[in-house]
PDB file of N, CA and C in Angstrom:
ATOM      1  N   MET A   1     -16.570   7.829   0.342  1.00  0.00           N
ATOM      2  CA  MET A   1     -16.144   6.794   1.244  1.00  0.00           C
ATOM      3  C   MET A   1     -15.998   7.415   2.633  1.00  0.00           C
ATOM      4  N   ASP A   2     -16.589   6.786   3.613  1.00  0.00           N
ATOM      5  CA  ASP A   2     -16.598   7.299   4.986  1.00  0.00           C
ATOM      6  C   ASP A   2     -15.512   6.600   5.803  1.00  0.00           C
ATOM      7  N   PHE A   3     -14.446   7.344   6.108  1.00  0.00           N
ATOM      8  CA  PHE A   3     -13.304   6.791   6.850  1.00  0.00           C
ATOM      9  C   PHE A   3     -13.739   6.229   8.196  1.00  0.00           C
ATOM     10  N   ASP A   4     -14.760   6.808   8.802  1.00  0.00           N
ATOM     11  CA  ASP A   4     -15.249   6.347  10.104  1.00  0.00           C
ATOM     12  C   ASP A   4     -15.817   4.933  10.040  1.00  0.00           C
ATOM     13  N   ARG A   5     -16.193   4.501   8.861  1.00  0.00           N
ATOM     14  CA  ARG A   5     -16.775   3.161   8.727  1.00  0.00           C
ATOM     15  C   ARG A   5     -15.720   2.085   8.468  1.00  0.00           C
ATOM     16  N   PHE A   6     -14.466   2.490   8.312  1.00  0.00           N
ATOM     17  CA  PHE A   6     -13.381   1.523   8.138  1.00  0.00           C
ATOM     18  C   PHE A   6     -13.184   0.746   9.432  1.00  0.00           C
ATOM     19  N   THR A   7     -12.681  -0.474   9.316  1.00  0.00           N
ATOM     20  CA  THR A   7     -12.316  -1.230  10.513  1.00  0.00           C
ATOM     21  C   THR A   7     -11.094  -0.569  11.145  1.00  0.00           C
ATOM     22  N   ASP A   8     -10.816  -0.909  12.383  1.00  0.00           N
ATOM     23  CA  ASP A   8      -9.641  -0.350  13.055  1.00  0.00           C
ATOM     24  C   ASP A   8      -8.363  -0.711  12.302  1.00  0.00           C
ATOM     25  N   LYS A   9      -8.268  -1.936  11.807  1.00  0.00           N
ATOM     26  CA  LYS A   9      -7.085  -2.367  11.059  1.00  0.00           C
ATOM     27  C   LYS A   9      -6.939  -1.562   9.760  1.00  0.00           C
ATOM     28  N   ALA A  10      -8.044  -1.306   9.083  1.00  0.00           N
ATOM     29  CA  ALA A  10      -7.990  -0.522   7.842  1.00  0.00           C
ATOM     30  C   ALA A  10      -7.575   0.913   8.143  1.00  0.00           C
ATOM     31  N   LYS A  11      -8.102   1.494   9.209  1.00  0.00           N
ATOM     32  CA  LYS A  11      -7.704   2.852   9.602  1.00  0.00           C
ATOM     33  C   LYS A  11      -6.215   2.894   9.925  1.00  0.00           C
ATOM     34  N   ASP A  12      -5.739   1.882  10.658  1.00  0.00           N
ATOM     35  CA  ASP A  12      -4.314   1.816  10.986  1.00  0.00           C
ATOM     36  C   ASP A  12      -3.467   1.739   9.718  1.00  0.00           C
ATOM     37  N   ALA A  13      -3.910   0.953   8.759  1.00  0.00           N
ATOM     38  CA  ALA A  13      -3.166   0.805   7.510  1.00  0.00           C
ATOM     39  C   ALA A  13      -3.090   2.133   6.760  1.00  0.00           C
ATOM     40  N   VAL A  14      -4.184   2.862   6.718  1.00  0.00           N
ATOM     41  CA  VAL A  14      -4.190   4.164   6.043  1.00  0.00           C
ATOM     42  C   VAL A  14      -3.245   5.122   6.762  1.00  0.00           C
ATOM     43  N   ARG A  15      -3.296   5.127   8.088  1.00  0.00           N
ATOM     44  CA  ARG A  15      -2.399   6.006   8.856  1.00  0.00           C
ATOM     45  C   ARG A  15      -0.930   5.647   8.606  1.00  0.00           C
ATOM     46  N   GLU A  16      -0.627   4.366   8.571  1.00  0.00           N
ATOM     47  CA  GLU A  16       0.746   3.930   8.315  1.00  0.00           C
ATOM     48  C   GLU A  16       1.170   4.282   6.891  1.00  0.00           C
ATOM     49  N   ALA A  17       0.250   4.180   5.944  1.00  0.00           N
ATOM     50  CA  ALA A  17       0.553   4.557   4.564  1.00  0.00           C
ATOM     51  C   ALA A  17       0.911   6.039   4.486  1.00  0.00           C
ATOM     52  N   ILE A  18       0.188   6.863   5.226  1.00  0.00           N
ATOM     53  CA  ILE A  18       0.471   8.301   5.270  1.00  0.00           C
ATOM     54  C   ILE A  18       1.853   8.541   5.867  1.00  0.00           C
ATOM     55  N   LYS A  19       2.154   7.846   6.959  1.00  0.00           N
ATOM     56  CA  LYS A  19       3.472   7.998   7.592  1.00  0.00           C
ATOM     57  C   LYS A  19       4.594   7.595   6.637  1.00  0.00           C
ATOM     58  N   THR A  20       4.394   6.500   5.923  1.00  0.00           N
ATOM     59  CA  THR A  20       5.411   6.031   4.979  1.00  0.00           C
ATOM     60  C   THR A  20       5.619   7.046   3.863  1.00  0.00           C
ATOM     61  N   ALA A  21       4.528   7.593   3.342  1.00  0.00           N
ATOM     62  CA  ALA A  21       4.648   8.612   2.290  1.00  0.00           C
ATOM     63  C   ALA A  21       5.405   9.829   2.809  1.00  0.00           C
ATOM     64  N   ARG A  22       5.110  10.247   4.012  1.00  0.00           N
ATOM     65  CA  ARG A  22       5.810  11.399   4.605  1.00  0.00           C
ATOM     66  C   ARG A  22       7.288  11.092   4.816  1.00  0.00           C
ATOM     67  N   ARG A  23       7.559   9.927   5.375  1.00  0.00           N
ATOM     68  CA  ARG A  23       8.934   9.529   5.672  1.00  0.00           C
ATOM     69  C   ARG A  23       9.784   9.478   4.400  1.00  0.00           C
ATOM     70  N   ASN A  24       9.153   9.128   3.291  1.00  0.00           N
ATOM     71  CA  ASN A  24       9.869   9.009   2.020  1.00  0.00           C
ATOM     72  C   ASN A  24       9.731  10.254   1.146  1.00  0.00           C
ATOM     73  N   ASN A  25       9.151  11.315   1.696  1.00  0.00           N
ATOM     74  CA  ASN A  25       8.992  12.580   0.974  1.00  0.00           C
ATOM     75  C   ASN A  25       8.231  12.416  -0.339  1.00  0.00           C
ATOM     76  N   ASN A  26       7.246  11.535  -0.344  1.00  0.00           N
ATOM     77  CA  ASN A  26       6.408  11.379  -1.528  1.00  0.00           C
ATOM     78  C   ASN A  26       5.309  12.428  -1.487  1.00  0.00           C
ATOM     79  N   SER A  27       4.952  12.952  -2.642  1.00  0.00           N
ATOM     80  CA  SER A  27       3.988  14.046  -2.692  1.00  0.00           C
ATOM     81  C   SER A  27       2.552  13.585  -2.492  1.00  0.00           C
ATOM     82  N   GLN A  28       2.312  12.312  -2.689  1.00  0.00           N
ATOM     83  CA  GLN A  28       0.969  11.783  -2.470  1.00  0.00           C
ATOM     84  C   GLN A  28       1.054  10.336  -2.020  1.00  0.00           C
ATOM     85  N   ILE A  29      -0.048   9.852  -1.524  1.00  0.00           N
ATOM     86  CA  ILE A  29      -0.114   8.465  -1.073  1.00  0.00           C
ATOM     87  C   ILE A  29      -0.489   7.606  -2.271  1.00  0.00           C
ATOM     88  N   GLU A  30       0.301   6.586  -2.480  1.00  0.00           N
ATOM     89  CA  GLU A  30       0.051   5.664  -3.584  1.00  0.00           C
ATOM     90  C   GLU A  30      -0.408   4.325  -3.026  1.00  0.00           C
ATOM     91  N   ILE A  31      -0.929   3.507  -3.889  1.00  0.00           N
ATOM     92  CA  ILE A  31      -1.409   2.181  -3.496  1.00  0.00           C
ATOM     93  C   ILE A  31      -0.290   1.369  -2.853  1.00  0.00           C
ATOM     94  N   VAL A  32       0.927   1.524  -3.330  1.00  0.00           N
ATOM     95  CA  VAL A  32       2.043   0.758  -2.778  1.00  0.00           C
ATOM     96  C   VAL A  32       2.312   1.151  -1.320  1.00  0.00           C
ATOM     97  N   HIS A  33       2.030   2.393  -0.929  1.00  0.00           N
ATOM     98  CA  HIS A  33       2.156   2.780   0.484  1.00  0.00           C
ATOM     99  C   HIS A  33       1.171   1.972   1.330  1.00  0.00           C
ATOM    100  N   LEU A  34      -0.034   1.838   0.817  1.00  0.00           N
ATOM    101  CA  LEU A  34      -1.052   1.070   1.533  1.00  0.00           C
ATOM    102  C   LEU A  34      -0.686  -0.409   1.566  1.00  0.00           C
ATOM    103  N   LEU A  35      -0.201  -0.928   0.450  1.00  0.00           N
ATOM    104  CA  LEU A  35       0.225  -2.324   0.410  1.00  0.00           C
ATOM    105  C   LEU A  35       1.324  -2.570   1.438  1.00  0.00           C
ATOM    106  N   ASP A  36       2.310  -1.680   1.492  1.00  0.00           N
ATOM    107  CA  ASP A  36       3.392  -1.814   2.449  1.00  0.00           C
ATOM    108  C   ASP A  36       2.852  -1.857   3.875  1.00  0.00           C
ATOM    109  N   ALA A  37       1.925  -0.960   4.179  1.00  0.00           N
ATOM    110  CA  ALA A  37       1.335  -0.931   5.527  1.00  0.00           C
ATOM    111  C   ALA A  37       0.596  -2.226   5.830  1.00  0.00           C
ATOM    112  N   LEU A  38      -0.156  -2.734   4.862  1.00  0.00           N
ATOM    113  CA  LEU A  38      -0.907  -3.975   5.069  1.00  0.00           C
ATOM    114  C   LEU A  38       0.022  -5.176   5.212  1.00  0.00           C
ATOM    115  N   LEU A  39       1.114  -5.178   4.482  1.00  0.00           N
ATOM    116  CA  LEU A  39       2.078  -6.280   4.581  1.00  0.00           C
ATOM    117  C   LEU A  39       2.739  -6.319   5.952  1.00  0.00           C
ATOM    118  N   ARG A  40       2.871  -5.163   6.581  1.00  0.00           N
ATOM    119  CA  ARG A  40       3.577  -5.069   7.865  1.00  0.00           C
ATOM    120  C   ARG A  40       2.650  -5.140   9.078  1.00  0.00           C
ATOM    121  N   GLN A  41       1.360  -5.255   8.841  1.00  0.00           N
ATOM    122  CA  GLN A  41       0.408  -5.306   9.949  1.00  0.00           C
ATOM    123  C   GLN A  41       0.497  -6.637  10.679  1.00  0.00           C
ATOM    124  N   GLU A  42       0.907  -6.566  11.942  1.00  0.00           N
ATOM    125  CA  GLU A  42       0.929  -7.786  12.742  1.00  0.00           C
ATOM    126  C   GLU A  42      -0.498  -8.285  12.903  1.00  0.00           C
ATOM    127  N   GLU A  43      -0.682  -9.559  12.717  1.00  0.00           N
ATOM    128  CA  GLU A  43      -1.991 -10.195  12.800  1.00  0.00           C
ATOM    129  C   GLU A  43      -2.972  -9.645  11.765  1.00  0.00           C
ATOM    130  N   GLY A  44      -2.445  -9.040  10.709  1.00  0.00           N
ATOM    131  CA  GLY A  44      -3.284  -8.504   9.642  1.00  0.00           C
ATOM    132  C   GLY A  44      -3.689  -9.585   8.662  1.00  0.00           C
ATOM    133  N   VAL A  45      -4.682  -9.282   7.857  1.00  0.00           N
ATOM    134  CA  VAL A  45      -5.218 -10.268   6.924  1.00  0.00           C
ATOM    135  C   VAL A  45      -4.253 -10.524   5.758  1.00  0.00           C
ATOM    136  N   VAL A  46      -3.531  -9.523   5.295  1.00  0.00           N
ATOM    137  CA  VAL A  46      -2.647  -9.718   4.142  1.00  0.00           C
ATOM    138  C   VAL A  46      -1.511 -10.695   4.467  1.00  0.00           C
ATOM    139  N   PRO A  47      -0.791 -10.525   5.584  1.00  0.00           N
ATOM    140  CA  PRO A  47       0.217 -11.533   5.913  1.00  0.00           C
ATOM    141  C   PRO A  47      -0.381 -12.938   6.087  1.00  0.00           C
ATOM    142  N   GLN A  48      -1.587 -13.004   6.612  1.00  0.00           N
ATOM    143  CA  GLN A  48      -2.238 -14.310   6.777  1.00  0.00           C
ATOM    144  C   GLN A  48      -2.531 -14.950   5.428  1.00  0.00           C
ATOM    145  N   ILE A  49      -2.991 -14.143   4.473  1.00  0.00           N
ATOM    146  CA  ILE A  49      -3.279 -14.670   3.133  1.00  0.00           C
ATOM    147  C   ILE A  49      -1.993 -15.168   2.475  1.00  0.00           C
ATOM    148  N   ILE A  50      -0.945 -14.376   2.592  1.00  0.00           N
ATOM    149  CA  ILE A  50       0.326 -14.769   1.991  1.00  0.00           C
ATOM    150  C   ILE A  50       0.834 -16.069   2.608  1.00  0.00           C
ATOM    151  N   ALA A  51       0.706 -16.195   3.917  1.00  0.00           N
ATOM    152  CA  ALA A  51       1.121 -17.437   4.587  1.00  0.00           C
ATOM    153  C   ALA A  51       0.269 -18.611   4.116  1.00  0.00           C
ATOM    154  N   LYS A  52      -1.023 -18.373   3.961  1.00  0.00           N
ATOM    155  CA  LYS A  52      -1.940 -19.448   3.575  1.00  0.00           C
ATOM    156  C   LYS A  52      -1.616 -20.005   2.184  1.00  0.00           C
ATOM    157  N   VAL A  53      -1.140 -19.140   1.295  1.00  0.00           N
ATOM    158  CA  VAL A  53      -0.813 -19.598  -0.060  1.00  0.00           C
ATOM    159  C   VAL A  53       0.680 -19.904  -0.202  1.00  0.00           C
ATOM    160  N   ASN A  54       1.356 -20.036   0.957  1.00  0.00           N
ATOM    161  CA  ASN A  54       2.789 -20.340   0.988  1.00  0.00           C
ATOM    162  C   ASN A  54       3.625 -19.304   0.240  1.00  0.00           C
ATOM    163  N   GLY A  55       3.198 -18.041   0.325  1.00  0.00           N
ATOM    164  CA  GLY A  55       3.948 -16.951  -0.288  1.00  0.00           C
ATOM    165  C   GLY A  55       5.088 -16.526   0.619  1.00  0.00           C
ATOM    166  N   ASN A  56       5.875 -15.607   0.136  1.00  0.00           N
ATOM    167  CA  ASN A  56       7.048 -15.134   0.849  1.00  0.00           C
ATOM    168  C   ASN A  56       6.789 -13.697   1.309  1.00  0.00           C
ATOM    169  N   LEU A  57       6.407 -13.534   2.561  1.00  0.00           N
ATOM    170  CA  LEU A  57       6.072 -12.212   3.097  1.00  0.00           C
ATOM    171  C   LEU A  57       7.266 -11.272   3.036  1.00  0.00           C
ATOM    172  N   ALA A  58       8.443 -11.758   3.379  1.00  0.00           N
ATOM    173  CA  ALA A  58       9.637 -10.905   3.348  1.00  0.00           C
ATOM    174  C   ALA A  58       9.901 -10.396   1.931  1.00  0.00           C
ATOM    175  N   GLU A  59       9.708 -11.243   0.948  1.00  0.00           N
ATOM    176  CA  GLU A  59       9.900 -10.839  -0.450  1.00  0.00           C
ATOM    177  C   GLU A  59       8.851  -9.799  -0.856  1.00  0.00           C
ATOM    178  N   ALA A  60       7.629 -10.002  -0.437  1.00  0.00           N
ATOM    179  CA  ALA A  60       6.573  -9.033  -0.745  1.00  0.00           C
ATOM    180  C   ALA A  60       6.896  -7.671  -0.126  1.00  0.00           C
ATOM    181  N   GLN A  61       7.383  -7.683   1.114  1.00  0.00           N
ATOM    182  CA  GLN A  61       7.764  -6.436   1.774  1.00  0.00           C
ATOM    183  C   GLN A  61       8.926  -5.773   1.055  1.00  0.00           C
ATOM    184  N   ARG A  62       9.880  -6.561   0.619  1.00  0.00           N
ATOM    185  CA  ARG A  62      11.040  -6.023  -0.103  1.00  0.00           C
ATOM    186  C   ARG A  62      10.607  -5.363  -1.410  1.00  0.00           C
ATOM    187  N   VAL A  63       9.717  -6.032  -2.144  1.00  0.00           N
ATOM    188  CA  VAL A  63       9.226  -5.493  -3.416  1.00  0.00           C
ATOM    189  C   VAL A  63       8.478  -4.179  -3.171  1.00  0.00           C
ATOM    190  N   ALA A  64       7.644  -4.147  -2.145  1.00  0.00           N
ATOM    191  CA  ALA A  64       6.903  -2.918  -1.822  1.00  0.00           C
ATOM    192  C   ALA A  64       7.871  -1.792  -1.479  1.00  0.00           C
ATOM    193  N   GLU A  65       8.889  -2.091  -0.681  1.00  0.00           N
ATOM    194  CA  GLU A  65       9.893  -1.074  -0.325  1.00  0.00           C
ATOM    195  C   GLU A  65      10.598  -0.541  -1.568  1.00  0.00           C
ATOM    196  N   GLU A  66      10.976  -1.432  -2.474  1.00  0.00           N
ATOM    197  CA  GLU A  66      11.647  -1.014  -3.704  1.00  0.00           C
ATOM    198  C   GLU A  66      10.763  -0.089  -4.524  1.00  0.00           C
ATOM    199  N   GLU A  67       9.487  -0.431  -4.612  1.00  0.00           N
ATOM    200  CA  GLU A  67       8.557   0.393  -5.389  1.00  0.00           C
ATOM    201  C   GLU A  67       8.380   1.764  -4.742  1.00  0.00           C
ATOM    202  N   ILE A  68       8.336   1.817  -3.426  1.00  0.00           N
ATOM    203  CA  ILE A  68       8.219   3.101  -2.727  1.00  0.00           C
ATOM    204  C   ILE A  68       9.465   3.943  -2.982  1.00  0.00           C
ATOM    205  N   GLU A  69      10.624   3.322  -2.940  1.00  0.00           N
ATOM    206  CA  GLU A  69      11.876   4.042  -3.184  1.00  0.00           C
ATOM    207  C   GLU A  69      11.936   4.624  -4.599  1.00  0.00           C
ATOM    208  N   ARG A  70      11.238   4.009  -5.535  1.00  0.00           N
ATOM    209  CA  ARG A  70      11.237   4.483  -6.921  1.00  0.00           C
ATOM    210  C   ARG A  70      10.269   5.639  -7.153  1.00  0.00           C
ATOM    211  N   LEU A  71       9.383   5.903  -6.206  1.00  0.00           N
ATOM    212  CA  LEU A  71       8.405   6.984  -6.378  1.00  0.00           C
ATOM    213  C   LEU A  71       9.096   8.339  -6.357  1.00  0.00           C
ATOM    214  N   PRO A  72       8.534   9.299  -7.074  1.00  0.00           N
ATOM    215  CA  PRO A  72       9.103  10.654  -7.040  1.00  0.00           C
ATOM    216  C   PRO A  72       9.054  11.222  -5.626  1.00  0.00           C
ATOM    217  N   GLN A  73      10.073  11.994  -5.301  1.00  0.00           N
ATOM    218  CA  GLN A  73      10.144  12.622  -3.983  1.00  0.00           C
ATOM    219  C   GLN A  73      10.117  14.130  -4.143  1.00  0.00           C
ATOM    220  N   VAL A  74       9.603  14.791  -3.117  1.00  0.00           N
ATOM    221  CA  VAL A  74       9.594  16.246  -3.087  1.00  0.00           C
ATOM    222  C   VAL A  74      10.428  16.698  -1.908  1.00  0.00           C
ATOM    223  N   LEU A  75      11.021  17.862  -2.036  1.00  0.00           N
ATOM    224  CA  LEU A  75      11.881  18.357  -0.973  1.00  0.00           C
ATOM    225  C   LEU A  75      11.095  18.920   0.199  1.00  0.00           C
ATOM    226  N   HIS A  76       9.933  19.491  -0.082  1.00  0.00           N
ATOM    227  CA  HIS A  76       9.187  20.165   0.980  1.00  0.00           C
ATOM    228  C   HIS A  76       8.350  19.236   1.826  1.00  0.00           C
ATOM    229  N   GLY A  77       8.056  18.031   1.387  1.00  0.00           N
ATOM    230  CA  GLY A  77       7.234  17.112   2.175  1.00  0.00           C
ATOM    231  C   GLY A  77       5.821  17.623   2.314  1.00  0.00           C
ATOM    232  N   PHE A  78       5.186  17.299   3.421  1.00  0.00           N
ATOM    233  CA  PHE A  78       3.815  17.700   3.675  1.00  0.00           C
ATOM    234  C   PHE A  78       3.804  18.859   4.653  1.00  0.00           C
ATOM    235  N   GLY A  79       3.097  19.882   4.307  1.00  0.00           N
ATOM    236  CA  GLY A  79       3.017  21.041   5.190  1.00  0.00           C
ATOM    237  C   GLY A  79       1.770  21.000   6.026  1.00  0.00           C
ATOM    238  N   PRO A  80       1.699  21.889   7.025  1.00  0.00           N
ATOM    239  CA  PRO A  80       0.492  21.970   7.842  1.00  0.00           C
ATOM    240  C   PRO A  80      -0.699  22.354   6.976  1.00  0.00           C
ATOM    241  N   GLY A  81      -1.816  21.840   7.341  1.00  0.00           N
ATOM    242  CA  GLY A  81      -3.031  22.170   6.615  1.00  0.00           C
ATOM    243  C   GLY A  81      -3.356  21.215   5.490  1.00  0.00           C
ATOM    244  N   HIS A  82      -2.430  20.335   5.159  1.00  0.00           N
ATOM    245  CA  HIS A  82      -2.712  19.343   4.130  1.00  0.00           C
ATOM    246  C   HIS A  82      -3.464  18.184   4.762  1.00  0.00           C
ATOM    247  N   SER A  83      -4.623  17.915   4.241  1.00  0.00           N
ATOM    248  CA  SER A  83      -5.379  16.765   4.717  1.00  0.00           C
ATOM    249  C   SER A  83      -5.226  15.657   3.694  1.00  0.00           C
ATOM    250  N   ILE A  84      -4.174  14.891   3.825  1.00  0.00           N
ATOM    251  CA  ILE A  84      -3.847  13.861   2.857  1.00  0.00           C
ATOM    252  C   ILE A  84      -4.938  12.800   2.808  1.00  0.00           C
ATOM    253  N   VAL A  85      -5.484  12.473   3.957  1.00  0.00           N
ATOM    254  CA  VAL A  85      -6.528  11.446   3.981  1.00  0.00           C
ATOM    255  C   VAL A  85      -7.714  11.906   3.148  1.00  0.00           C
ATOM    256  N   GLN A  86      -8.125  13.148   3.302  1.00  0.00           N
ATOM    257  CA  GLN A  86      -9.263  13.643   2.539  1.00  0.00           C
ATOM    258  C   GLN A  86      -8.949  13.684   1.050  1.00  0.00           C
ATOM    259  N   GLN A  87      -7.714  14.017   0.701  1.00  0.00           N
ATOM    260  CA  GLN A  87      -7.351  14.107  -0.704  1.00  0.00           C
ATOM    261  C   GLN A  87      -7.223  12.737  -1.351  1.00  0.00           C
ATOM    262  N   GLN A  88      -6.770  11.740  -0.621  1.00  0.00           N
ATOM    263  CA  GLN A  88      -6.437  10.454  -1.211  1.00  0.00           C
ATOM    264  C   GLN A  88      -7.429   9.345  -0.903  1.00  0.00           C
ATOM    265  N   LEU A  89      -8.316   9.546   0.035  1.00  0.00           N
ATOM    266  CA  LEU A  89      -9.214   8.480   0.465  1.00  0.00           C
ATOM    267  C   LEU A  89     -10.027   7.859  -0.663  1.00  0.00           C
ATOM    268  N   PRO A  90     -10.553   8.626  -1.626  1.00  0.00           N
ATOM    269  CA  PRO A  90     -11.319   7.973  -2.693  1.00  0.00           C
ATOM    270  C   PRO A  90     -10.514   6.931  -3.451  1.00  0.00           C
ATOM    271  N   GLN A  91      -9.198   7.096  -3.559  1.00  0.00           N
ATOM    272  CA  GLN A  91      -8.363   6.113  -4.250  1.00  0.00           C
ATOM    273  C   GLN A  91      -8.350   4.777  -3.530  1.00  0.00           C
ATOM    274  N   PHE A  92      -8.493   4.782  -2.225  1.00  0.00           N
ATOM    275  CA  PHE A  92      -8.318   3.554  -1.471  1.00  0.00           C
ATOM    276  C   PHE A  92      -9.409   2.538  -1.745  1.00  0.00           C
ATOM    277  N   GLY A  93     -10.597   2.978  -2.117  1.00  0.00           N
ATOM    278  CA  GLY A  93     -11.651   2.027  -2.456  1.00  0.00           C
ATOM    279  C   GLY A  93     -11.207   1.141  -3.606  1.00  0.00           C
ATOM    280  N   VAL A  94     -10.644   1.750  -4.625  1.00  0.00           N
ATOM    281  CA  VAL A  94     -10.108   1.008  -5.755  1.00  0.00           C
ATOM    282  C   VAL A  94      -8.819   0.316  -5.340  1.00  0.00           C
ATOM    283  N   GLY A  95      -8.054   0.975  -4.491  1.00  0.00           N
ATOM    284  CA  GLY A  95      -6.755   0.464  -4.074  1.00  0.00           C
ATOM    285  C   GLY A  95      -6.827  -0.860  -3.345  1.00  0.00           C
ATOM    286  N   PHE A  96      -7.846  -1.061  -2.524  1.00  0.00           N
ATOM    287  CA  PHE A  96      -7.934  -2.313  -1.793  1.00  0.00           C
ATOM    288  C   PHE A  96      -8.043  -3.497  -2.751  1.00  0.00           C
ATOM    289  N   GLY A  97      -8.714  -3.309  -3.876  1.00  0.00           N
ATOM    290  CA  GLY A  97      -8.777  -4.372  -4.875  1.00  0.00           C
ATOM    291  C   GLY A  97      -7.404  -4.688  -5.437  1.00  0.00           C
ATOM    292  N   LYS A  98      -6.614  -3.644  -5.703  1.00  0.00           N
ATOM    293  CA  LYS A  98      -5.257  -3.849  -6.199  1.00  0.00           C
ATOM    294  C   LYS A  98      -4.393  -4.537  -5.151  1.00  0.00           C
ATOM    295  N   VAL A  99      -4.604  -4.207  -3.887  1.00  0.00           N
ATOM    296  CA  VAL A  99      -3.832  -4.838  -2.814  1.00  0.00           C
ATOM    297  C   VAL A  99      -4.126  -6.328  -2.779  1.00  0.00           C
ATOM    298  N   ARG A 100      -5.392  -6.686  -2.910  1.00  0.00           N
ATOM    299  CA  ARG A 100      -5.743  -8.113  -2.930  1.00  0.00           C
ATOM    300  C   ARG A 100      -5.059  -8.806  -4.107  1.00  0.00           C
ATOM    301  N   LEU A 101      -5.085  -8.156  -5.273  1.00  0.00           N
ATOM    302  CA  LEU A 101      -4.435  -8.746  -6.444  1.00  0.00           C
ATOM    303  C   LEU A 101      -2.931  -8.865  -6.239  1.00  0.00           C
ATOM    304  N   ALA A 102      -2.333  -7.855  -5.635  1.00  0.00           N
ATOM    305  CA  ALA A 102      -0.891  -7.890  -5.397  1.00  0.00           C
ATOM    306  C   ALA A 102      -0.535  -9.004  -4.426  1.00  0.00           C
ATOM    307  N   ALA A 103      -1.355  -9.176  -3.388  1.00  0.00           N
ATOM    308  CA  ALA A 103      -1.108 -10.247  -2.424  1.00  0.00           C
ATOM    309  C   ALA A 103      -1.195 -11.603  -3.126  1.00  0.00           C
ATOM    310  N   ARG A 104      -2.170 -11.740  -4.006  1.00  0.00           N
ATOM    311  CA  ARG A 104      -2.280 -12.979  -4.772  1.00  0.00           C
ATOM    312  C   ARG A 104      -1.074 -13.139  -5.685  1.00  0.00           C
ATOM    313  N   GLY A 105      -0.602 -12.026  -6.240  1.00  0.00           N
ATOM    314  CA  GLY A 105       0.547 -12.069  -7.132  1.00  0.00           C
ATOM    315  C   GLY A 105       1.818 -12.508  -6.440  1.00  0.00           C
ATOM    316  N   VAL A 106       1.925 -12.237  -5.129  1.00  0.00           N
ATOM    317  CA  VAL A 106       3.113 -12.646  -4.387  1.00  0.00           C
ATOM    318  C   VAL A 106       3.263 -14.157  -4.456  1.00  0.00           C
ATOM    319  N   ALA A 107       2.154 -14.861  -4.382  1.00  0.00           N
ATOM    320  CA  ALA A 107       2.207 -16.316  -4.463  1.00  0.00           C
ATOM    321  C   ALA A 107       2.664 -16.756  -5.855  1.00  0.00           C
ATOM    322  N   GLU A 108       2.390 -15.901  -6.870  1.00  0.00           N
ATOM    323  CA  GLU A 108       2.764 -16.232  -8.240  1.00  0.00           C
ATOM    324  C   GLU A 108       4.184 -15.777  -8.557  1.00  0.00           C
ATOM    325  N   GLY A 109       4.776 -14.959  -7.698  1.00  0.00           N
ATOM    326  CA  GLY A 109       6.149 -14.497  -7.905  1.00  0.00           C
ATOM    327  C   GLY A 109       6.233 -12.987  -7.846  1.00  0.00           C
ATOM    328  N   PRO A 110       7.413 -12.456  -7.516  1.00  0.00           N
ATOM    329  CA  PRO A 110       7.574 -11.013  -7.329  1.00  0.00           C
ATOM    330  C   PRO A 110       7.328 -10.198  -8.588  1.00  0.00           C
ATOM    331  N   ASN A 111       7.607 -10.738  -9.767  1.00  0.00           N
ATOM    332  CA  ASN A 111       7.383  -9.975 -10.992  1.00  0.00           C
ATOM    333  C   ASN A 111       5.896  -9.726 -11.209  1.00  0.00           C
ATOM    334  N   ARG A 112       5.067 -10.683 -10.840  1.00  0.00           N
ATOM    335  CA  ARG A 112       3.619 -10.514 -10.973  1.00  0.00           C
ATOM    336  C   ARG A 112       3.148  -9.402 -10.042  1.00  0.00           C
ATOM    337  N   SER A 113       3.634  -9.396  -8.795  1.00  0.00           N
ATOM    338  CA  SER A 113       3.259  -8.357  -7.841  1.00  0.00           C
ATOM    339  C   SER A 113       3.703  -6.995  -8.342  1.00  0.00           C
ATOM    340  N   ARG A 114       4.913  -6.921  -8.847  1.00  0.00           N
ATOM    341  CA  ARG A 114       5.456  -5.652  -9.322  1.00  0.00           C
ATOM    342  C   ARG A 114       4.594  -5.109 -10.457  1.00  0.00           C
ATOM    343  N   SER A 115       4.151  -5.975 -11.379  1.00  0.00           N
ATOM    344  CA  SER A 115       3.344  -5.507 -12.502  1.00  0.00           C
ATOM    345  C   SER A 115       1.981  -5.014 -12.031  1.00  0.00           C
ATOM    346  N   ILE A 116       1.439  -5.613 -10.995  1.00  0.00           N
ATOM    347  CA  ILE A 116       0.146  -5.178 -10.465  1.00  0.00           C
ATOM    348  C   ILE A 116       0.277  -3.798  -9.834  1.00  0.00           C
ATOM    349  N   LEU A 117       1.419  -3.524  -9.217  1.00  0.00           N
ATOM    350  CA  LEU A 117       1.613  -2.269  -8.515  1.00  0.00           C
ATOM    351  C   LEU A 117       1.901  -1.091  -9.431  1.00  0.00           C
ATOM    352  N   GLN A 118       2.252  -1.336 -10.670  1.00  0.00           N
ATOM    353  CA  GLN A 118       2.607  -0.237 -11.559  1.00  0.00           C
ATOM    354  C   GLN A 118       1.374   0.609 -11.873  1.00  0.00           C
ATOM    355  N   PRO A 119       1.467   1.936 -11.673  1.00  0.00           N
ATOM    356  CA  PRO A 119       0.340   2.813 -11.975  1.00  0.00           C
ATOM    357  C   PRO A 119      -0.038   2.738 -13.444  1.00  0.00           C
ATOM    358  N   GLY A 120      -1.328   2.763 -13.718  1.00  0.00           N
ATOM    359  CA  GLY A 120      -1.817   2.783 -15.078  1.00  0.00           C
ATOM    360  C   GLY A 120      -1.819   1.451 -15.777  1.00  0.00           C
ATOM    361  N   GLN A 121      -1.409   0.415 -15.080  1.00  0.00           N
ATOM    362  CA  GLN A 121      -1.349  -0.909 -15.694  1.00  0.00           C
ATOM    363  C   GLN A 121      -2.641  -1.641 -15.385  1.00  0.00           C
ATOM    364  N   ALA A 122      -3.178  -2.326 -16.344  1.00  0.00           N
ATOM    365  CA  ALA A 122      -4.420  -3.074 -16.135  1.00  0.00           C
ATOM    366  C   ALA A 122      -4.135  -4.292 -15.291  1.00  0.00           C
ATOM    367  N   ALA A 123      -4.992  -4.516 -14.304  1.00  0.00           N
ATOM    368  CA  ALA A 123      -4.850  -5.701 -13.439  1.00  0.00           C
ATOM    369  C   ALA A 123      -5.486  -6.887 -14.143  1.00  0.00           C
ATOM    370  N   ALA A 124      -4.823  -8.028 -14.046  1.00  0.00           N
ATOM    371  CA  ALA A 124      -5.335  -9.237 -14.687  1.00  0.00           C
ATOM    372  C   ALA A 124      -6.144 -10.050 -13.709  1.00  0.00           C
TER     373      ALA A 124
END
């Protein structure tokens, strides 16, 4: 996957996901970091989709925050020389599909979104 071919909004979302992972001392970037970034993007497509289906954006953001807080944390954080984008970028191709499903799940209720975000769980 070529990061240079991402749209500006997608690049911003990945950068914000990295910042969130660092801020929360997570050892790697997870799909929920990306979801959180997409939910918070002003004029982004995910908030627009949630609004279009009469979903609750604040609830979706709250659920994403809770899931991030539940992730394992490391004391050392990220050190110099770690290229998190290079290490995690292949996941994002699959991750964007999960983000779409999670956004759809918000309209169905927070429990549906939470189940979509759980690692290793099959998406319906």
